[in-house]
Amino acid sequence: MDAQEQDSQKDLPTSETPAKEPAPRERDASPKASSSISSGIPSDEILEVTTDQRSWYVVHCYSGYENKVRHNLEQRIETMGMKDKIFDVVIPTQEEIEVKDGKRRTVERHVFPGYVLVNMILTEESWYVVRNTPGVTGFVGMGNSPTALRPEEVAQILKRMEAEAPTIKVTFKTGERVRIVDGPFNDFRGTVSEIDMERSKVRVMVNFFGRETPVELDFLQVERA
């Protein structure tokens, strides 16, 4: 996990259940049977079913299984008749331009790896459907009580998802040896002295006529040596 992903997870509460090796499987029980199963939510904390009480909750899952969990949950919502209580399942993502080996490609990066957002009305039945979805390890919250996201937290996540300019990720860093693959200094090798993320430029110190000379290049013009 890179530093950007670690910083991203600081925006979320700590999950009540640590991730384990994936071994999820579908449960046979239906939501109607949930009344005879202990959900772990105190009865006085179950919300009444009104349209004013839908909120966004954070669900923790196995890292790398976010898309699978969303697919599984959407199927359960359909087959178990929960559309009136569970409304949306979202994986916060952000476009990222990855520059590797002189090639640029756009990838979709998860803003919060290992987390899925669910818009729902919290009841014993809806809790049971989400919590027992294959791949889900638990709700984020205090103890057994899921904690709803505050409106400002939701707005902040949406703002990150709707950012117009995608972030740029490069495979080299300051002080690292790189090879120039394009331009008048093609096939020269040098050391990265500065990376300008805003301009997508990198400054490389190359040995030219026996002296170190700074050369400014586009990210696509260099690769790790």
C-alpha atoms as a PDB file:
ATOM      1  CA  MET A   1       0.000   0.000   0.000  1.00  0.00           C
ATOM      2  CA  ASP A   2       1.489   3.350  -0.988  1.00  0.00           C
ATOM      3  CA  ALA A   3       1.535   6.472   1.175  1.00  0.00           C
ATOM      4  CA  GLN A   4      -1.422   8.008  -0.727  1.00  0.00           C
ATOM      5  CA  GLU A   5      -3.631   5.031   0.089  1.00  0.00           C
ATOM      6  CA  GLN A   6      -2.582   5.092   3.760  1.00  0.00           C
ATOM      7  CA  ASP A   7      -3.503   8.788   3.942  1.00  0.00           C
ATOM      8  CA  SER A   8      -6.841   8.066   2.293  1.00  0.00           C
ATOM      9  CA  GLN A   9      -7.814   5.509   4.949  1.00  0.00           C
ATOM     10  CA  LYS A  10      -7.283   8.091   7.690  1.00  0.00           C
ATOM     11  CA  ASP A  11     -10.504   9.735   6.495  1.00  0.00           C
ATOM     12  CA  LEU A  12     -12.520   6.717   7.626  1.00  0.00           C
ATOM     13  CA  PRO A  13     -13.203   5.281  11.081  1.00  0.00           C
ATOM     14  CA  THR A  14     -11.353   2.091  12.026  1.00  0.00           C
ATOM     15  CA  SER A  15     -13.170  -1.096  11.018  1.00  0.00           C
ATOM     16  CA  GLU A  16     -14.526  -3.203  13.808  1.00  0.00           C
ATOM     17  CA  THR A  17     -13.272  -6.405  12.166  1.00  0.00           C
ATOM     18  CA  PRO A  18      -9.757  -6.910  10.730  1.00  0.00           C
ATOM     19  CA  ALA A  19      -9.477  -8.308   7.217  1.00  0.00           C
ATOM     20  CA  LYS A  20      -8.697 -12.016   6.945  1.00  0.00           C
ATOM     21  CA  GLU A  21      -7.740 -14.287   4.124  1.00  0.00           C
ATOM     22  CA  PRO A  22     -10.771 -14.417   1.788  1.00  0.00           C
ATOM     23  CA  ALA A  23     -12.992 -17.401   2.321  1.00  0.00           C
ATOM     24  CA  PRO A  24     -16.454 -15.912   1.877  1.00  0.00           C
ATOM     25  CA  ARG A  25     -19.500 -17.966   1.005  1.00  0.00           C
ATOM     26  CA  GLU A  26     -23.196 -17.295   0.615  1.00  0.00           C
ATOM     27  CA  ARG A  27     -25.516 -17.870   3.578  1.00  0.00           C
ATOM     28  CA  ASP A  28     -28.756 -19.744   3.088  1.00  0.00           C
ATOM     29  CA  ALA A  29     -30.784 -17.722   5.552  1.00  0.00           C
ATOM     30  CA  SER A  30     -33.266 -15.152   4.281  1.00  0.00           C
ATOM     31  CA  PRO A  31     -33.965 -11.727   5.782  1.00  0.00           C
ATOM     32  CA  LYS A  32     -37.245 -13.035   7.178  1.00  0.00           C
ATOM     33  CA  ALA A  33     -35.275 -15.485   9.270  1.00  0.00           C
ATOM     34  CA  SER A  34     -33.173 -12.693  10.725  1.00  0.00           C
ATOM     35  CA  SER A  35     -35.619 -12.134  13.586  1.00  0.00           C
ATOM     36  CA  SER A  36     -34.443 -15.402  15.107  1.00  0.00           C
ATOM     37  CA  ILE A  37     -30.752 -14.541  14.602  1.00  0.00           C
ATOM     38  CA  SER A  38     -28.833 -12.189  16.858  1.00  0.00           C
ATOM     39  CA  SER A  39     -27.721  -9.285  14.657  1.00  0.00           C
ATOM     40  CA  GLY A  40     -25.511  -7.779  17.325  1.00  0.00           C
ATOM     41  CA  ILE A  41     -27.424  -4.478  17.204  1.00  0.00           C
ATOM     42  CA  PRO A  42     -29.260  -3.595  20.443  1.00  0.00           C
ATOM     43  CA  SER A  43     -33.009  -3.481  19.758  1.00  0.00           C
ATOM     44  CA  ASP A  44     -33.301   0.097  20.991  1.00  0.00           C
ATOM     45  CA  GLU A  45     -30.746   1.200  18.382  1.00  0.00           C
ATOM     46  CA  ILE A  46     -32.636  -0.201  15.373  1.00  0.00           C
ATOM     47  CA  LEU A  47     -33.997   2.747  13.428  1.00  0.00           C
ATOM     48  CA  GLU A  48     -37.621   3.058  12.470  1.00  0.00           C
ATOM     49  CA  VAL A  49     -38.230   2.583   8.750  1.00  0.00           C
ATOM     50  CA  THR A  50     -38.864   6.058   7.348  1.00  0.00           C
ATOM     51  CA  THR A  51     -37.539   7.680   4.200  1.00  0.00           C
ATOM     52  CA  ASP A  52     -35.956  10.417   6.338  1.00  0.00           C
ATOM     53  CA  GLN A  53     -33.582   7.946   7.973  1.00  0.00           C
ATOM     54  CA  ARG A  54     -31.597   6.708   5.024  1.00  0.00           C
ATOM     55  CA  SER A  55     -27.877   7.307   5.531  1.00  0.00           C
ATOM     56  CA  TRP A  56     -24.514   6.324   4.095  1.00  0.00           C
ATOM     57  CA  TYR A  57     -22.633   3.608   5.960  1.00  0.00           C
ATOM     58  CA  VAL A  58     -19.100   2.281   5.456  1.00  0.00           C
ATOM     59  CA  VAL A  59     -18.647  -1.450   5.005  1.00  0.00           C
ATOM     60  CA  HIS A  60     -15.257  -3.103   5.337  1.00  0.00           C
ATOM     61  CA  CYS A  61     -14.354  -5.929   2.962  1.00  0.00           C
ATOM     62  CA  TYR A  62     -11.366  -7.921   1.782  1.00  0.00           C
ATOM     63  CA  SER A  63      -8.975  -5.596  -0.043  1.00  0.00           C
ATOM     64  CA  GLY A  64      -9.237  -6.193  -3.774  1.00  0.00           C
ATOM     65  CA  TYR A  65     -12.759  -7.638  -3.456  1.00  0.00           C
ATOM     66  CA  GLU A  66     -14.610  -4.301  -3.551  1.00  0.00           C
ATOM     67  CA  ASN A  67     -16.186  -4.880  -6.989  1.00  0.00           C
ATOM     68  CA  LYS A  68     -17.128  -8.456  -6.093  1.00  0.00           C
ATOM     69  CA  VAL A  69     -18.767  -7.309  -2.863  1.00  0.00           C
ATOM     70  CA  ARG A  70     -20.775  -4.649  -4.712  1.00  0.00           C
ATOM     71  CA  HIS A  71     -21.947  -7.235  -7.255  1.00  0.00           C
ATOM     72  CA  ASN A  72     -22.880  -9.730  -4.524  1.00  0.00           C
ATOM     73  CA  LEU A  73     -24.745  -7.116  -2.490  1.00  0.00           C
ATOM     74  CA  GLU A  74     -26.669  -5.788  -5.494  1.00  0.00           C
ATOM     75  CA  GLN A  75     -27.781  -9.360  -6.264  1.00  0.00           C
ATOM     76  CA  ARG A  76     -28.905  -9.893  -2.670  1.00  0.00           C
ATOM     77  CA  ILE A  77     -30.831  -6.607  -2.675  1.00  0.00           C
ATOM     78  CA  GLU A  78     -32.689  -7.813  -5.776  1.00  0.00           C
ATOM     79  CA  THR A  79     -33.376 -11.415  -4.752  1.00  0.00           C
ATOM     80  CA  MET A  80     -34.188 -10.640  -1.115  1.00  0.00           C
ATOM     81  CA  GLY A  81     -36.525  -7.740  -1.887  1.00  0.00           C
ATOM     82  CA  MET A  82     -34.557  -5.031  -0.075  1.00  0.00           C
ATOM     83  CA  LYS A  83     -34.827  -2.176  -2.594  1.00  0.00           C
ATOM     84  CA  ASP A  84     -36.997  -0.223  -0.158  1.00  0.00           C
ATOM     85  CA  LYS A  85     -34.250  -0.293   2.509  1.00  0.00           C
ATOM     86  CA  ILE A  86     -30.922  -0.528   0.638  1.00  0.00           C
ATOM     87  CA  PHE A  87     -30.704   2.055  -2.138  1.00  0.00           C
ATOM     88  CA  ASP A  88     -27.170   2.307  -3.473  1.00  0.00           C
ATOM     89  CA  VAL A  89     -23.753   0.648  -3.275  1.00  0.00           C
ATOM     90  CA  VAL A  90     -20.763   2.809  -4.210  1.00  0.00           C
ATOM     91  CA  ILE A  91     -17.028   2.190  -4.474  1.00  0.00           C
ATOM     92  CA  PRO A  92     -15.258   5.586  -4.290  1.00  0.00           C
ATOM     93  CA  THR A  93     -12.796   5.737  -7.196  1.00  0.00           C
ATOM     94  CA  GLN A  94     -10.599   8.340  -8.813  1.00  0.00           C
ATOM     95  CA  GLU A  95      -8.958   8.419 -12.231  1.00  0.00           C
ATOM     96  CA  GLU A  96      -5.186   8.202 -12.141  1.00  0.00           C
ATOM     97  CA  ILE A  97      -2.676   8.578 -14.978  1.00  0.00           C
ATOM     98  CA  GLU A  98       0.070   5.995 -14.580  1.00  0.00           C
ATOM     99  CA  VAL A  99       3.382   6.598 -16.344  1.00  0.00           C
ATOM    100  CA  LYS A 100       5.421   3.414 -16.637  1.00  0.00           C
ATOM    101  CA  ASP A 101       8.193   2.427 -19.058  1.00  0.00           C
ATOM    102  CA  GLY A 102       7.575   5.519 -21.168  1.00  0.00           C
ATOM    103  CA  LYS A 103       3.874   4.722 -21.570  1.00  0.00           C
ATOM    104  CA  ARG A 104       0.904   6.608 -20.174  1.00  0.00           C
ATOM    105  CA  ARG A 105      -2.362   4.907 -19.278  1.00  0.00           C
ATOM    106  CA  THR A 106      -5.438   5.924 -17.338  1.00  0.00           C
ATOM    107  CA  VAL A 107      -6.462   3.631 -14.508  1.00  0.00           C
ATOM    108  CA  GLU A 108      -9.286   3.755 -11.972  1.00  0.00           C
ATOM    109  CA  ARG A 109      -7.934   3.731  -8.441  1.00  0.00           C
ATOM    110  CA  HIS A 110      -9.948   3.000  -5.321  1.00  0.00           C
ATOM    111  CA  VAL A 111      -9.903   6.020  -3.013  1.00  0.00           C
ATOM    112  CA  PHE A 112     -10.454   3.825   0.067  1.00  0.00           C
ATOM    113  CA  PRO A 113      -9.132   0.308  -0.633  1.00  0.00           C
ATOM    114  CA  GLY A 114     -11.043  -2.296   1.355  1.00  0.00           C
ATOM    115  CA  TYR A 115     -14.159  -0.148   1.856  1.00  0.00           C
ATOM    116  CA  VAL A 116     -17.575   0.084   0.193  1.00  0.00           C
ATOM    117  CA  LEU A 117     -20.245   2.737   0.851  1.00  0.00           C
ATOM    118  CA  VAL A 118     -23.878   1.685   1.245  1.00  0.00           C
ATOM    119  CA  ASN A 119     -26.857   4.067   1.273  1.00  0.00           C
ATOM    120  CA  MET A 120     -29.554   2.403   3.375  1.00  0.00           C
ATOM    121  CA  ILE A 121     -32.093   2.616   6.144  1.00  0.00           C
ATOM    122  CA  LEU A 122     -30.595   0.734   9.081  1.00  0.00           C
ATOM    123  CA  THR A 123     -32.932  -1.995  10.281  1.00  0.00           C
ATOM    124  CA  GLU A 124     -32.266  -5.490  11.549  1.00  0.00           C
ATOM    125  CA  GLU A 125     -33.142  -6.925   8.136  1.00  0.00           C
ATOM    126  CA  SER A 126     -31.010  -4.498   6.114  1.00  0.00           C
ATOM    127  CA  TRP A 127     -28.092  -4.950   8.534  1.00  0.00           C
ATOM    128  CA  TYR A 128     -28.355  -8.710   8.128  1.00  0.00           C
ATOM    129  CA  VAL A 129     -28.422  -8.574   4.309  1.00  0.00           C
ATOM    130  CA  VAL A 130     -25.333  -6.351   4.105  1.00  0.00           C
ATOM    131  CA  ARG A 131     -23.349  -7.956   6.929  1.00  0.00           C
ATOM    132  CA  ASN A 132     -23.787 -11.474   5.525  1.00  0.00           C
ATOM    133  CA  THR A 133     -22.839 -10.577   1.965  1.00  0.00           C
ATOM    134  CA  PRO A 134     -19.875 -12.729   0.858  1.00  0.00           C
ATOM    135  CA  GLY A 135     -16.660 -10.730   1.221  1.00  0.00           C
ATOM    136  CA  VAL A 136     -17.993  -8.308   3.851  1.00  0.00           C
ATOM    137  CA  THR A 137     -16.089  -8.398   7.154  1.00  0.00           C
ATOM    138  CA  GLY A 138     -18.182  -5.831   9.012  1.00  0.00           C
ATOM    139  CA  PHE A 139     -19.586  -2.345   9.291  1.00  0.00           C
ATOM    140  CA  VAL A 140     -17.395   0.534  10.402  1.00  0.00           C
ATOM    141  CA  GLY A 141     -18.593   1.887  13.731  1.00  0.00           C
ATOM    142  CA  MET A 142     -18.365   1.698  17.491  1.00  0.00           C
ATOM    143  CA  GLY A 143     -18.821  -1.823  18.790  1.00  0.00           C
ATOM    144  CA  ASN A 144     -21.737  -3.498  17.026  1.00  0.00           C
ATOM    145  CA  SER A 145     -23.416  -0.246  16.032  1.00  0.00           C
ATOM    146  CA  PRO A 146     -22.712   0.946  12.457  1.00  0.00           C
ATOM    147  CA  THR A 147     -21.827   4.647  12.348  1.00  0.00           C
ATOM    148  CA  ALA A 148     -23.469   6.707   9.602  1.00  0.00           C
ATOM    149  CA  LEU A 149     -21.267   9.126   7.664  1.00  0.00           C
ATOM    150  CA  ARG A 150     -21.869  12.802   8.376  1.00  0.00           C
ATOM    151  CA  PRO A 151     -23.121  14.906   5.425  1.00  0.00           C
ATOM    152  CA  GLU A 152     -19.805  16.771   5.240  1.00  0.00           C
ATOM    153  CA  GLU A 153     -17.921  13.467   5.022  1.00  0.00           C
ATOM    154  CA  VAL A 154     -20.118  12.327   2.131  1.00  0.00           C
ATOM    155  CA  ALA A 155     -19.598  15.672   0.373  1.00  0.00           C
ATOM    156  CA  GLN A 156     -15.833  15.368   0.761  1.00  0.00           C
ATOM    157  CA  ILE A 157     -15.813  11.863  -0.758  1.00  0.00           C
ATOM    158  CA  LEU A 158     -17.984  12.958  -3.686  1.00  0.00           C
ATOM    159  CA  LYS A 159     -15.681  15.923  -4.288  1.00  0.00           C
ATOM    160  CA  ARG A 160     -12.694  13.609  -4.578  1.00  0.00           C
ATOM    161  CA  MET A 161     -14.572  11.339  -6.976  1.00  0.00           C
ATOM    162  CA  GLU A 162     -15.630  14.253  -9.186  1.00  0.00           C
ATOM    163  CA  ALA A 163     -12.192  15.843  -9.483  1.00  0.00           C
ATOM    164  CA  GLU A 164     -11.779  17.044 -13.073  1.00  0.00           C
ATOM    165  CA  ALA A 165      -8.041  16.424 -13.433  1.00  0.00           C
ATOM    166  CA  PRO A 166      -6.888  12.866 -12.731  1.00  0.00           C
ATOM    167  CA  THR A 167      -3.899  12.415 -10.456  1.00  0.00           C
ATOM    168  CA  ILE A 168      -0.576  11.322 -11.944  1.00  0.00           C
ATOM    169  CA  LYS A 169       1.478   8.405 -10.674  1.00  0.00           C
ATOM    170  CA  VAL A 170       5.068   7.852 -11.789  1.00  0.00           C
ATOM    171  CA  THR A 171       7.265   4.837 -11.136  1.00  0.00           C
ATOM    172  CA  PHE A 172      10.477   6.796 -10.502  1.00  0.00           C
ATOM    173  CA  LYS A 173      11.391   9.088  -7.611  1.00  0.00           C
ATOM    174  CA  THR A 174      13.939  11.753  -6.700  1.00  0.00           C
ATOM    175  CA  GLY A 175      17.491  10.394  -6.488  1.00  0.00           C
ATOM    176  CA  GLU A 176      16.718   7.377  -8.658  1.00  0.00           C
ATOM    177  CA  ARG A 177      18.571   6.435 -11.833  1.00  0.00           C
ATOM    178  CA  VAL A 178      16.523   6.699 -15.041  1.00  0.00           C
ATOM    179  CA  ARG A 179      17.073   6.279 -18.757  1.00  0.00           C
ATOM    180  CA  ILE A 180      15.968   8.876 -21.298  1.00  0.00           C
ATOM    181  CA  VAL A 181      13.936   7.183 -24.040  1.00  0.00           C
ATOM    182  CA  ASP A 182      13.024  10.128 -26.282  1.00  0.00           C
ATOM    183  CA  GLY A 183      14.442  13.429 -27.518  1.00  0.00           C
ATOM    184  CA  PRO A 184      17.979  14.675 -28.178  1.00  0.00           C
ATOM    185  CA  PHE A 185      19.292  12.898 -25.048  1.00  0.00           C
ATOM    186  CA  ASN A 186      17.804   9.536 -26.061  1.00  0.00           C
ATOM    187  CA  ASP A 187      19.514   6.595 -24.309  1.00  0.00           C
ATOM    188  CA  PHE A 188      21.359   8.876 -21.853  1.00  0.00           C
ATOM    189  CA  ARG A 189      21.196   7.842 -18.224  1.00  0.00           C
ATOM    190  CA  GLY A 190      20.968  10.185 -15.283  1.00  0.00           C
ATOM    191  CA  THR A 191      19.629  10.838 -11.804  1.00  0.00           C
ATOM    192  CA  VAL A 192      16.239  12.397 -11.040  1.00  0.00           C
ATOM    193  CA  SER A 193      16.785  15.704  -9.228  1.00  0.00           C
ATOM    194  CA  GLU A 194      13.233  17.106  -9.271  1.00  0.00           C
ATOM    195  CA  ILE A 195       9.690  15.987 -10.134  1.00  0.00           C
ATOM    196  CA  ASP A 196       7.053  18.592 -11.049  1.00  0.00           C
ATOM    197  CA  MET A 197       3.657  16.888 -10.753  1.00  0.00           C
ATOM    198  CA  GLU A 198       1.686  19.958 -11.845  1.00  0.00           C
ATOM    199  CA  ARG A 199       3.552  20.321 -15.137  1.00  0.00           C
ATOM    200  CA  SER A 200       4.218  16.577 -15.630  1.00  0.00           C
ATOM    201  CA  LYS A 201       7.916  17.351 -15.927  1.00  0.00           C
ATOM    202  CA  VAL A 202      11.014  15.708 -14.457  1.00  0.00           C
ATOM    203  CA  ARG A 203      14.509  17.200 -14.160  1.00  0.00           C
ATOM    204  CA  VAL A 204      17.316  14.724 -14.730  1.00  0.00           C
ATOM    205  CA  MET A 205      21.030  15.299 -14.119  1.00  0.00           C
ATOM    206  CA  VAL A 206      22.976  13.773 -17.016  1.00  0.00           C
ATOM    207  CA  ASN A 207      26.718  13.586 -17.613  1.00  0.00           C
ATOM    208  CA  PHE A 208      27.297  15.707 -20.714  1.00  0.00           C
ATOM    209  CA  PHE A 209      30.864  16.454 -21.867  1.00  0.00           C
ATOM    210  CA  GLY A 210      32.238  15.469 -18.464  1.00  0.00           C
ATOM    211  CA  ARG A 211      29.932  17.609 -16.358  1.00  0.00           C
ATOM    212  CA  GLU A 212      26.529  17.131 -14.700  1.00  0.00           C
ATOM    213  CA  THR A 213      23.893  18.967 -16.715  1.00  0.00           C
ATOM    214  CA  PRO A 214      20.191  19.358 -15.729  1.00  0.00           C
ATOM    215  CA  VAL A 215      17.739  18.335 -18.434  1.00  0.00           C
ATOM    216  CA  GLU A 216      13.983  18.941 -18.145  1.00  0.00           C
ATOM    217  CA  LEU A 217      11.867  16.211 -19.709  1.00  0.00           C
ATOM    218  CA  ASP A 218       8.259  15.050 -19.928  1.00  0.00           C
ATOM    219  CA  PHE A 219       7.318  12.045 -17.804  1.00  0.00           C
ATOM    220  CA  LEU A 220       6.941   9.981 -20.985  1.00  0.00           C
ATOM    221  CA  GLN A 221      10.539  10.657 -21.977  1.00  0.00           C
ATOM    222  CA  VAL A 222      12.110   8.706 -19.117  1.00  0.00           C
ATOM    223  CA  GLU A 223      11.909   5.277 -17.546  1.00  0.00           C
ATOM    224  CA  ARG A 224      13.587   3.579 -14.633  1.00  0.00           C
ATOM    225  CA  ALA A 225      17.089   2.460 -15.530  1.00  0.00           C
END
